[in-house]
C-alpha atoms as a PDB file:
ATOM      1  CA  MET A   1      36.502 -78.184  32.120  1.00  0.00           C
ATOM      2  CA  GLU A   2      38.652 -79.203  29.439  1.00  0.00           C
ATOM      3  CA  SER A   3      42.471 -80.034  30.408  1.00  0.00           C
ATOM      4  CA  LYS A   4      45.275 -77.467  30.776  1.00  0.00           C
ATOM      5  CA  SER A   5      47.586 -79.463  28.536  1.00  0.00           C
ATOM      6  CA  GLN A   6      45.173 -78.166  25.213  1.00  0.00           C
ATOM      7  CA  THR A   7      47.175 -76.309  22.860  1.00  0.00           C
ATOM      8  CA  TRP A   8      46.257 -74.159  20.342  1.00  0.00           C
ATOM      9  CA  GLU A   9      46.697 -76.094  17.493  1.00  0.00           C
ATOM     10  CA  SER A  10      44.010 -78.585  19.208  1.00  0.00           C
ATOM     11  CA  ILE A  11      41.318 -76.060  18.959  1.00  0.00           C
ATOM     12  CA  SER A  12      41.785 -73.870  16.622  1.00  0.00           C
ATOM     13  CA  GLU A  13      40.241 -75.055  13.610  1.00  0.00           C
ATOM     14  CA  GLN A  14      37.378 -75.546  16.354  1.00  0.00           C
ATOM     15  CA  VAL A  15      37.380 -71.496  16.942  1.00  0.00           C
ATOM     16  CA  ILE A  16      37.644 -70.989  13.611  1.00  0.00           C
ATOM     17  CA  SER A  17      34.332 -73.097  12.885  1.00  0.00           C
ATOM     18  CA  TYR A  18      32.842 -71.556  15.238  1.00  0.00           C
ATOM     19  CA  TYR A  19      33.233 -68.009  13.571  1.00  0.00           C
ATOM     20  CA  GLU A  20      32.572 -69.750   9.965  1.00  0.00           C
ATOM     21  CA  GLU A  21      29.798 -71.142  11.278  1.00  0.00           C
ATOM     22  CA  THR A  22      27.930 -68.292  13.118  1.00  0.00           C
ATOM     23  CA  ILE A  23      28.736 -64.830  11.387  1.00  0.00           C
ATOM     24  CA  PHE A  24      25.012 -64.551  10.001  1.00  0.00           C
ATOM     25  CA  ASP A  25      23.627 -65.311  12.956  1.00  0.00           C
ATOM     26  CA  TYR A  26      26.070 -62.245  13.833  1.00  0.00           C
ATOM     27  CA  GLY A  27      24.780 -60.282  12.103  1.00  0.00           C
ATOM     28  CA  PHE A  28      21.413 -61.141  11.591  1.00  0.00           C
ATOM     29  CA  PHE A  29      20.447 -61.083  14.880  1.00  0.00           C
ATOM     30  CA  TRP A  30      23.566 -58.783  16.751  1.00  0.00           C
ATOM     31  CA  HIS A  31      24.925 -55.985  15.454  1.00  0.00           C
ATOM     32  CA  THR A  32      24.078 -53.519  12.826  1.00  0.00           C
ATOM     33  CA  PRO A  33      25.642 -51.908  10.392  1.00  0.00           C
ATOM     34  CA  ASN A  34      26.354 -48.665  12.968  1.00  0.00           C
ATOM     35  CA  ASP A  35      28.418 -51.169  15.351  1.00  0.00           C
ATOM     36  CA  LEU A  36      29.692 -54.284  13.668  1.00  0.00           C
ATOM     37  CA  ALA A  37      29.906 -55.474  17.098  1.00  0.00           C
ATOM     38  CA  ILE A  38      30.328 -59.197  18.232  1.00  0.00           C
ATOM     39  CA  HIS A  39      30.584 -58.187  22.620  1.00  0.00           C
ATOM     40  CA  TYR A  40      28.306 -57.496  25.217  1.00  0.00           C
ATOM     41  CA  GLY A  41      27.881 -53.789  25.515  1.00  0.00           C
ATOM     42  CA  PHE A  42      28.070 -51.635  28.390  1.00  0.00           C
ATOM     43  CA  SER A  43      24.727 -50.216  29.663  1.00  0.00           C
ATOM     44  CA  ASP A  44      24.632 -46.795  31.488  1.00  0.00           C
ATOM     45  CA  GLU A  45      22.703 -43.440  31.636  1.00  0.00           C
ATOM     46  CA  THR A  46      24.124 -42.729  28.369  1.00  0.00           C
ATOM     47  CA  THR A  47      22.738 -45.963  26.474  1.00  0.00           C
ATOM     48  CA  LYS A  48      18.959 -46.109  24.890  1.00  0.00           C
ATOM     49  CA  SER A  49      19.204 -48.738  22.391  1.00  0.00           C
ATOM     50  CA  HIS A  50      21.229 -52.366  22.099  1.00  0.00           C
ATOM     51  CA  SER A  51      23.759 -50.567  19.591  1.00  0.00           C
ATOM     52  CA  ASP A  52      24.213 -47.438  22.015  1.00  0.00           C
ATOM     53  CA  ARG A  53      25.721 -49.902  24.800  1.00  0.00           C
ATOM     54  CA  LEU A  54      26.962 -51.907  21.963  1.00  0.00           C
ATOM     55  CA  LEU A  55      29.525 -48.482  20.695  1.00  0.00           C
ATOM     56  CA  ASN A  56      29.226 -47.506  24.484  1.00  0.00           C
ATOM     57  CA  GLU A  57      31.753 -50.353  25.382  1.00  0.00           C
ATOM     58  CA  ASN A  58      34.452 -49.040  22.556  1.00  0.00           C
ATOM     59  CA  ARG A  59      34.201 -45.876  23.442  1.00  0.00           C
ATOM     60  CA  PHE A  60      35.036 -47.044  27.090  1.00  0.00           C
ATOM     61  CA  LEU A  61      37.610 -49.002  26.197  1.00  0.00           C
ATOM     62  CA  ALA A  62      39.172 -45.864  24.154  1.00  0.00           C
ATOM     63  CA  ASP A  63      38.734 -43.264  27.133  1.00  0.00           C
ATOM     64  CA  THR A  64      40.488 -45.860  29.664  1.00  0.00           C
ATOM     65  CA  ALA A  65      43.239 -46.773  27.028  1.00  0.00           C
ATOM     66  CA  ARG A  66      43.722 -42.953  26.307  1.00  0.00           C
ATOM     67  CA  ILE A  67      43.543 -43.634  22.529  1.00  0.00           C
ATOM     68  CA  LYS A  68      44.891 -40.505  20.855  1.00  0.00           C
ATOM     69  CA  ASN A  69      45.204 -40.077  16.783  1.00  0.00           C
ATOM     70  CA  VAL A  70      48.869 -40.662  16.672  1.00  0.00           C
ATOM     71  CA  ASP A  71      48.546 -44.007  18.064  1.00  0.00           C
ATOM     72  CA  TYR A  72      48.759 -47.227  15.950  1.00  0.00           C
ATOM     73  CA  ILE A  73      46.638 -49.862  17.155  1.00  0.00           C
ATOM     74  CA  LEU A  74      46.198 -53.509  16.935  1.00  0.00           C
ATOM     75  CA  ASP A  75      42.891 -55.352  17.276  1.00  0.00           C
ATOM     76  CA  ALA A  76      43.270 -58.827  18.347  1.00  0.00           C
ATOM     77  CA  GLY A  77      40.611 -60.606  17.362  1.00  0.00           C
ATOM     78  CA  CYS A  78      38.562 -57.489  15.459  1.00  0.00           C
ATOM     79  CA  GLY A  79      35.420 -60.192  13.961  1.00  0.00           C
ATOM     80  CA  VAL A  80      33.885 -58.028  11.076  1.00  0.00           C
ATOM     81  CA  GLY A  81      36.114 -55.252  12.001  1.00  0.00           C
ATOM     82  CA  GLY A  82      33.291 -53.009  14.085  1.00  0.00           C
ATOM     83  CA  SER A  83      36.542 -51.583  16.686  1.00  0.00           C
ATOM     84  CA  THR A  84      38.535 -50.989  13.753  1.00  0.00           C
ATOM     85  CA  ILE A  85      36.800 -49.412  11.660  1.00  0.00           C
ATOM     86  CA  TRP A  86      35.020 -47.322  14.909  1.00  0.00           C
ATOM     87  CA  LEU A  87      38.566 -46.376  16.069  1.00  0.00           C
ATOM     88  CA  ALA A  88      39.774 -45.157  12.683  1.00  0.00           C
ATOM     89  CA  ARG A  89      36.917 -43.134  12.104  1.00  0.00           C
ATOM     90  CA  ASN A  90      36.594 -41.630  15.544  1.00  0.00           C
ATOM     91  CA  TYR A  91      39.897 -41.016  16.489  1.00  0.00           C
ATOM     92  CA  GLY A  92      41.788 -41.217  12.855  1.00  0.00           C
ATOM     93  CA  THR A  93      44.574 -43.268  13.581  1.00  0.00           C
ATOM     94  CA  ARG A  94      45.846 -46.673  12.269  1.00  0.00           C
ATOM     95  CA  VAL A  95      44.540 -49.777  13.139  1.00  0.00           C
ATOM     96  CA  VAL A  96      45.014 -53.497  11.779  1.00  0.00           C
ATOM     97  CA  GLY A  97      42.790 -55.937  12.514  1.00  0.00           C
ATOM     98  CA  ILE A  98      43.531 -59.590  12.571  1.00  0.00           C
ATOM     99  CA  ALA A  99      41.878 -63.007  13.163  1.00  0.00           C
ATOM    100  CA  VAL A 100      41.577 -66.247  12.536  1.00  0.00           C
ATOM    101  CA  SER A 101      38.293 -66.639  10.401  1.00  0.00           C
ATOM    102  CA  PRO A 102      38.589 -66.043   6.743  1.00  0.00           C
ATOM    103  CA  SER A 103      35.262 -65.276   6.348  1.00  0.00           C
ATOM    104  CA  GLN A 104      35.275 -62.197   9.095  1.00  0.00           C
ATOM    105  CA  ILE A 105      38.303 -60.487   7.654  1.00  0.00           C
ATOM    106  CA  ALA A 106      36.670 -61.063   4.252  1.00  0.00           C
ATOM    107  CA  LYS A 107      33.470 -58.689   5.777  1.00  0.00           C
ATOM    108  CA  ALA A 108      36.001 -56.495   7.319  1.00  0.00           C
ATOM    109  CA  LYS A 109      37.821 -55.855   4.700  1.00  0.00           C
ATOM    110  CA  ILE A 110      33.990 -54.932   2.861  1.00  0.00           C
ATOM    111  CA  ASN A 111      33.167 -53.065   5.942  1.00  0.00           C
ATOM    112  CA  SER A 112      35.555 -51.219   6.342  1.00  0.00           C
ATOM    113  CA  LYS A 113      35.572 -49.807   2.347  1.00  0.00           C
ATOM    114  CA  ASN A 114      32.125 -49.196   2.881  1.00  0.00           C
ATOM    115  CA  ALA A 115      32.706 -46.717   6.090  1.00  0.00           C
ATOM    116  CA  GLY A 116      35.290 -44.668   3.898  1.00  0.00           C
ATOM    117  CA  VAL A 117      38.164 -45.727   6.054  1.00  0.00           C
ATOM    118  CA  GLU A 118      39.740 -48.258   4.222  1.00  0.00           C
ATOM    119  CA  LYS A 119      43.339 -46.110   4.413  1.00  0.00           C
ATOM    120  CA  LEU A 120      43.578 -46.273   7.374  1.00  0.00           C
ATOM    121  CA  THR A 121      42.697 -49.925   8.666  1.00  0.00           C
ATOM    122  CA  GLU A 122      44.547 -52.923   7.496  1.00  0.00           C
ATOM    123  CA  PHE A 123      43.071 -56.523   8.036  1.00  0.00           C
ATOM    124  CA  TYR A 124      45.038 -59.781   8.261  1.00  0.00           C
ATOM    125  CA  GLU A 125      44.011 -64.047   8.479  1.00  0.00           C
ATOM    126  CA  MET A 126      46.549 -64.003  11.300  1.00  0.00           C
ATOM    127  CA  ASP A 127      46.956 -65.993  14.972  1.00  0.00           C
ATOM    128  CA  TYR A 128      47.566 -63.683  18.140  1.00  0.00           C
ATOM    129  CA  HIS A 129      50.199 -66.501  19.943  1.00  0.00           C
ATOM    130  CA  SER A 130      52.902 -65.649  16.830  1.00  0.00           C
ATOM    131  CA  THR A 131      52.028 -63.110  14.724  1.00  0.00           C
ATOM    132  CA  ASP A 132      54.392 -61.684  11.566  1.00  0.00           C
ATOM    133  CA  PHE A 133      54.681 -57.870  13.106  1.00  0.00           C
ATOM    134  CA  PRO A 134      57.934 -57.083  14.156  1.00  0.00           C
ATOM    135  CA  ASP A 135      59.255 -56.215  17.629  1.00  0.00           C
ATOM    136  CA  ALA A 136      57.918 -52.948  19.484  1.00  0.00           C
ATOM    137  CA  THR A 137      55.184 -52.107  16.237  1.00  0.00           C
ATOM    138  CA  PHE A 138      52.072 -50.560  18.296  1.00  0.00           C
ATOM    139  CA  ASP A 139      50.810 -48.627  20.671  1.00  0.00           C
ATOM    140  CA  VAL A 140      47.929 -49.902  21.558  1.00  0.00           C
ATOM    141  CA  ILE A 141      46.713 -53.924  21.749  1.00  0.00           C
ATOM    142  CA  TRP A 142      43.199 -54.111  21.319  1.00  0.00           C
ATOM    143  CA  ALA A 143      41.283 -56.828  22.241  1.00  0.00           C
ATOM    144  CA  ILE A 144      37.802 -57.662  22.653  1.00  0.00           C
ATOM    145  CA  GLU A 145      36.013 -60.963  23.856  1.00  0.00           C
ATOM    146  CA  SER A 146      38.981 -62.942  21.696  1.00  0.00           C
ATOM    147  CA  LEU A 147      41.653 -63.533  24.403  1.00  0.00           C
ATOM    148  CA  CYS A 148      39.273 -65.739  26.010  1.00  0.00           C
ATOM    149  CA  HIS A 149      39.519 -68.006  23.257  1.00  0.00           C
ATOM    150  CA  SER A 150      43.642 -68.784  23.947  1.00  0.00           C
ATOM    151  CA  PRO A 151      44.428 -72.231  25.909  1.00  0.00           C
ATOM    152  CA  ASP A 152      48.107 -70.768  25.997  1.00  0.00           C
ATOM    153  CA  LYS A 153      47.631 -67.271  28.088  1.00  0.00           C
ATOM    154  CA  PRO A 154      51.629 -67.571  28.627  1.00  0.00           C
ATOM    155  CA  GLN A 155      52.676 -67.717  25.168  1.00  0.00           C
ATOM    156  CA  LEU A 156      49.749 -64.868  24.095  1.00  0.00           C
ATOM    157  CA  PHE A 157      51.462 -62.452  26.778  1.00  0.00           C
ATOM    158  CA  GLN A 158      54.488 -62.954  25.139  1.00  0.00           C
ATOM    159  CA  GLU A 159      53.591 -62.263  21.975  1.00  0.00           C
ATOM    160  CA  LEU A 160      51.750 -59.199  22.726  1.00  0.00           C
ATOM    161  CA  TYR A 161      54.384 -58.140  25.154  1.00  0.00           C
ATOM    162  CA  ARG A 162      56.541 -58.096  22.334  1.00  0.00           C
ATOM    163  CA  ILE A 163      54.743 -56.337  20.166  1.00  0.00           C
ATOM    164  CA  LEU A 164      53.857 -53.435  21.690  1.00  0.00           C
ATOM    165  CA  LYS A 165      56.380 -50.603  21.900  1.00  0.00           C
ATOM    166  CA  SER A 166      57.824 -49.391  24.921  1.00  0.00           C
ATOM    167  CA  GLY A 167      55.478 -47.871  27.091  1.00  0.00           C
ATOM    168  CA  GLY A 168      52.692 -48.997  24.814  1.00  0.00           C
ATOM    169  CA  ARG A 169      49.215 -50.319  26.273  1.00  0.00           C
ATOM    170  CA  LEU A 170      46.987 -53.100  26.220  1.00  0.00           C
ATOM    171  CA  ILE A 171      43.312 -53.211  26.752  1.00  0.00           C
ATOM    172  CA  VAL A 172      40.992 -56.433  27.024  1.00  0.00           C
ATOM    173  CA  ALA A 173      37.201 -56.644  28.133  1.00  0.00           C
ATOM    174  CA  ASP A 174      36.420 -60.348  28.664  1.00  0.00           C
ATOM    175  CA  GLY A 175      34.803 -62.878  30.210  1.00  0.00           C
ATOM    176  CA  PHE A 176      36.811 -64.461  33.454  1.00  0.00           C
ATOM    177  CA  GLN A 177      36.142 -67.048  35.930  1.00  0.00           C
ATOM    178  CA  LYS A 178      34.915 -65.617  39.294  1.00  0.00           C
ATOM    179  CA  ASN A 179      34.387 -68.619  40.896  1.00  0.00           C
ATOM    180  CA  LYS A 180      34.219 -72.450  40.830  1.00  0.00           C
ATOM    181  CA  ALA A 181      30.998 -73.892  40.525  1.00  0.00           C
ATOM    182  CA  ALA A 182      29.483 -75.623  43.289  1.00  0.00           C
ATOM    183  CA  ASN A 183      28.290 -78.848  41.749  1.00  0.00           C
ATOM    184  CA  SER A 184      28.152 -80.990  38.751  1.00  0.00           C
ATOM    185  CA  GLN A 185      24.579 -79.139  37.316  1.00  0.00           C
ATOM    186  CA  ASP A 186      26.496 -75.443  38.032  1.00  0.00           C
ATOM    187  CA  GLN A 187      29.957 -76.792  36.341  1.00  0.00           C
ATOM    188  CA  LYS A 188      27.350 -78.279  33.085  1.00  0.00           C
ATOM    189  CA  VAL A 189      26.060 -75.003  33.055  1.00  0.00           C
ATOM    190  CA  PHE A 190      29.176 -73.212  32.757  1.00  0.00           C
ATOM    191  CA  ASN A 191      30.448 -75.261  30.009  1.00  0.00           C
ATOM    192  CA  ASP A 192      27.408 -75.399  27.788  1.00  0.00           C
ATOM    193  CA  PHE A 193      28.465 -71.173  27.866  1.00  0.00           C
ATOM    194  CA  ILE A 194      31.711 -71.456  27.343  1.00  0.00           C
ATOM    195  CA  HIS A 195      32.176 -74.518  24.978  1.00  0.00           C
ATOM    196  CA  GLY A 196      29.009 -73.191  22.857  1.00  0.00           C
ATOM    197  CA  LEU A 197      31.307 -70.312  22.357  1.00  0.00           C
ATOM    198  CA  ALA A 198      34.284 -71.831  21.400  1.00  0.00           C
ATOM    199  CA  VAL A 199      35.868 -71.647  24.707  1.00  0.00           C
ATOM    200  CA  PHE A 200      38.042 -73.971  26.039  1.00  0.00           C
ATOM    201  CA  GLN A 201      39.805 -72.860  28.996  1.00  0.00           C
ATOM    202  CA  THR A 202      38.692 -70.129  31.207  1.00  0.00           C
ATOM    203  CA  THR A 203      41.058 -67.975  33.287  1.00  0.00           C
ATOM    204  CA  PHE A 204      40.060 -66.667  36.515  1.00  0.00           C
ATOM    205  CA  TRP A 205      40.009 -63.185  37.131  1.00  0.00           C
ATOM    206  CA  ASP A 206      42.892 -63.165  39.218  1.00  0.00           C
ATOM    207  CA  GLU A 207      44.920 -65.356  37.306  1.00  0.00           C
ATOM    208  CA  PHE A 208      45.186 -62.961  34.277  1.00  0.00           C
ATOM    209  CA  ARG A 209      46.498 -60.161  36.333  1.00  0.00           C
ATOM    210  CA  ASP A 210      49.050 -62.955  37.486  1.00  0.00           C
ATOM    211  CA  GLY A 211      49.829 -63.523  34.156  1.00  0.00           C
ATOM    212  CA  LEU A 212      50.283 -60.029  33.090  1.00  0.00           C
ATOM    213  CA  VAL A 213      52.632 -59.006  36.063  1.00  0.00           C
ATOM    214  CA  ALA A 214      54.884 -62.559  35.138  1.00  0.00           C
ATOM    215  CA  THR A 215      55.247 -61.247  31.607  1.00  0.00           C
ATOM    216  CA  GLY A 216      56.658 -58.032  32.545  1.00  0.00           C
ATOM    217  CA  PHE A 217      53.481 -55.923  32.116  1.00  0.00           C
ATOM    218  CA  ARG A 218      53.092 -53.152  34.719  1.00  0.00           C
ATOM    219  CA  ASN A 219      50.707 -50.243  35.710  1.00  0.00           C
ATOM    220  CA  ILE A 220      48.128 -52.964  35.937  1.00  0.00           C
ATOM    221  CA  GLN A 221      43.817 -51.443  36.107  1.00  0.00           C
ATOM    222  CA  ARG A 222      41.389 -53.890  36.323  1.00  0.00           C
ATOM    223  CA  LEU A 223      37.780 -52.866  36.408  1.00  0.00           C
ATOM    224  CA  ASP A 224      34.504 -55.494  36.991  1.00  0.00           C
ATOM    225  CA  LYS A 225      32.089 -54.264  34.693  1.00  0.00           C
ATOM    226  CA  THR A 226      29.699 -56.950  34.440  1.00  0.00           C
ATOM    227  CA  ASN A 227      26.668 -54.701  35.968  1.00  0.00           C
ATOM    228  CA  ALA A 228      27.688 -52.962  32.500  1.00  0.00           C
ATOM    229  CA  ILE A 229      26.837 -55.951  30.291  1.00  0.00           C
ATOM    230  CA  ILE A 230      23.752 -56.893  31.973  1.00  0.00           C
ATOM    231  CA  PRO A 231      21.128 -55.927  29.926  1.00  0.00           C
ATOM    232  CA  SER A 232      23.111 -57.262  26.898  1.00  0.00           C
ATOM    233  CA  ALA A 233      23.270 -60.930  28.649  1.00  0.00           C
ATOM    234  CA  LYS A 234      19.305 -60.463  29.324  1.00  0.00           C
ATOM    235  CA  LYS A 235      19.363 -59.736  25.197  1.00  0.00           C
ATOM    236  CA  ILE A 236      21.237 -62.888  24.300  1.00  0.00           C
ATOM    237  CA  TYR A 237      19.589 -64.933  27.220  1.00  0.00           C
ATOM    238  CA  HIS A 238      15.942 -63.525  25.435  1.00  0.00           C
ATOM    239  CA  LEU A 239      17.047 -64.253  21.876  1.00  0.00           C
ATOM    240  CA  ALA A 240      18.300 -67.778  22.304  1.00  0.00           C
ATOM    241  CA  LEU A 241      15.118 -68.838  24.295  1.00  0.00           C
ATOM    242  CA  PHE A 242      13.159 -67.698  21.836  1.00  0.00           C
ATOM    243  CA  PHE A 243      14.652 -69.360  18.869  1.00  0.00           C
ATOM    244  CA  SER A 244      15.606 -72.508  20.597  1.00  0.00           C
ATOM    245  CA  PRO A 245      12.303 -74.378  19.887  1.00  0.00           C
ATOM    246  CA  ALA A 246      12.639 -73.546  15.968  1.00  0.00           C
ATOM    247  CA  TRP A 247      16.379 -74.066  16.107  1.00  0.00           C
ATOM    248  CA  LYS A 248      15.844 -77.617  18.169  1.00  0.00           C
ATOM    249  CA  LEU A 249      13.620 -78.725  15.396  1.00  0.00           C
ATOM    250  CA  LEU A 250      16.133 -77.809  13.288  1.00  0.00           C
ATOM    251  CA  ASN A 251      18.723 -79.426  14.432  1.00  0.00           C
ATOM    252  CA  ILE A 252      16.281 -83.339  14.661  1.00  0.00           C
ATOM    253  CA  LEU A 253      16.476 -82.347  10.665  1.00  0.00           C
ATOM    254  CA  GLY A 254      19.787 -82.487   9.977  1.00  0.00           C
ATOM    255  CA  LEU A 255      19.242 -78.497   8.772  1.00  0.00           C
ATOM    256  CA  ILE A 256      21.164 -76.669  11.373  1.00  0.00           C
ATOM    257  CA  SER A 257      25.087 -77.774  12.418  1.00  0.00           C
ATOM    258  CA  LYS A 258      26.092 -78.609  15.897  1.00  0.00           C
ATOM    259  CA  VAL A 259      27.860 -75.440  16.204  1.00  0.00           C
ATOM    260  CA  ARG A 260      25.383 -73.145  15.517  1.00  0.00           C
ATOM    261  CA  ARG A 261      22.879 -75.218  17.891  1.00  0.00           C
ATOM    262  CA  ASP A 262      25.672 -74.812  20.692  1.00  0.00           C
ATOM    263  CA  ASN A 263      25.500 -71.687  20.212  1.00  0.00           C
ATOM    264  CA  ILE A 264      22.136 -71.331  21.443  1.00  0.00           C
ATOM    265  CA  ARG A 265      22.360 -73.364  24.509  1.00  0.00           C
ATOM    266  CA  ALA A 266      25.477 -71.037  25.290  1.00  0.00           C
ATOM    267  CA  GLY A 267      22.814 -67.862  24.834  1.00  0.00           C
ATOM    268  CA  LEU A 268      21.011 -69.463  27.690  1.00  0.00           C
ATOM    269  CA  ALA A 269      23.580 -71.221  29.824  1.00  0.00           C
ATOM    270  CA  GLN A 270      25.931 -67.778  29.877  1.00  0.00           C
ATOM    271  CA  TRP A 271      22.791 -65.639  31.780  1.00  0.00           C
ATOM    272  CA  ASN A 272      21.988 -69.114  34.239  1.00  0.00           C
ATOM    273  CA  ALA A 273      26.228 -69.523  34.661  1.00  0.00           C
ATOM    274  CA  LEU A 274      26.162 -65.080  35.380  1.00  0.00           C
ATOM    275  CA  LYS A 275      23.341 -65.697  37.780  1.00  0.00           C
ATOM    276  CA  LYS A 276      25.225 -68.208  39.755  1.00  0.00           C
ATOM    277  CA  ASP A 277      28.049 -66.479  40.265  1.00  0.00           C
ATOM    278  CA  ILE A 278      31.036 -68.404  38.199  1.00  0.00           C
ATOM    279  CA  TRP A 279      32.058 -65.528  35.803  1.00  0.00           C
ATOM    280  CA  LEU A 280      32.278 -61.814  35.426  1.00  0.00           C
ATOM    281  CA  TYR A 281      33.087 -59.750  32.747  1.00  0.00           C
ATOM    282  CA  GLY A 282      35.772 -57.678  33.461  1.00  0.00           C
ATOM    283  CA  VAL A 283      38.485 -55.555  31.682  1.00  0.00           C
ATOM    284  CA  TYR A 284      42.070 -54.851  32.342  1.00  0.00           C
ATOM    285  CA  TYR A 285      44.729 -52.255  31.529  1.00  0.00           C
ATOM    286  CA  ALA A 286      48.415 -52.815  31.495  1.00  0.00           C
ATOM    287  CA  GLU A 287      51.640 -50.932  29.876  1.00  0.00           C
ATOM    288  CA  LYS A 288      54.648 -52.198  28.622  1.00  0.00           C
END
C-alpha cells in the first residue's frame, strides 16, 4: 500500500480521473436507469435481480439510519445521483449530493430531472474534506463506497461531524481491510484491487470505528455485510473475466486508457482478495 503521508491533494486528480473515465463503463455494464447505483448491492431472500440488489442496499441503509421525510440529507460521494434520487423519490426528503467528478454531477442533475425529483435534490462538485456547508446543516450524512477514497480520515470525520446537526446520523457502507496480506503475492492482488478503483490507502475495520470515537461520534454500530455482497462481487469478477481479453488487446493498440484497464484488473482482484479474506464489506452507523 501507499504511504499514509499521501494527502488528498496528491491523489484527488487520480480519483477524479477514475470517475471521469469510467462513467460510461458503469452506465453500460453496471447500473440501470431504475437504480443508477455505483455500488455492490445486498442480496437476500427478497432480491431476484442485479438491480434488486443495488436498490436493496439503499433500503437497508435507509432503515438502519431511520430515514424520515423531514430529514435533510447529504449524499457524500453521490456518483450519478442514484441514492440521492432514490431517497427523494421514496421518502420525499430533501437531499444534497456532492462529488468531485464534474461528469458525475452533470449526469446526476439530468437523472434527477428525468426522475421528477429535481425540486427535492441539489448537486454540487465539492470535496467532502472541506465543504461549503454551515455548521449543523444535515440530519443525516449518507456515504456508499465513497469514504474509501479519503487518505485523511481524521480530517474527513471532523468535517462530517461539523456539518451534522446535534443528534444527526452518519450511515456508511464501504469496503474495509480485514486482515493484512499473508505474503507479497497476496499484497499485489489487494493492491490491484484498491488501486484500480483509485483507493490508495485502506482503513481497517476496527480502525474506522476508532476514528469515529476519537472524533466524538457516539452510539456506533457496525455490521459485516460481506455475505450480502457475494453475488455482486461474483458478477464484477465474471464481467472482468469476460472482457479482459478484448481490453488487453485494446490496451496494446493504445485504444483504452490505463485507468479503464486497471478498473478491469480490479474487478478480477476484488474477488481474489475477498477469497483470501483480506477485506470485508461493512456498514457503520453513528450519531453526533
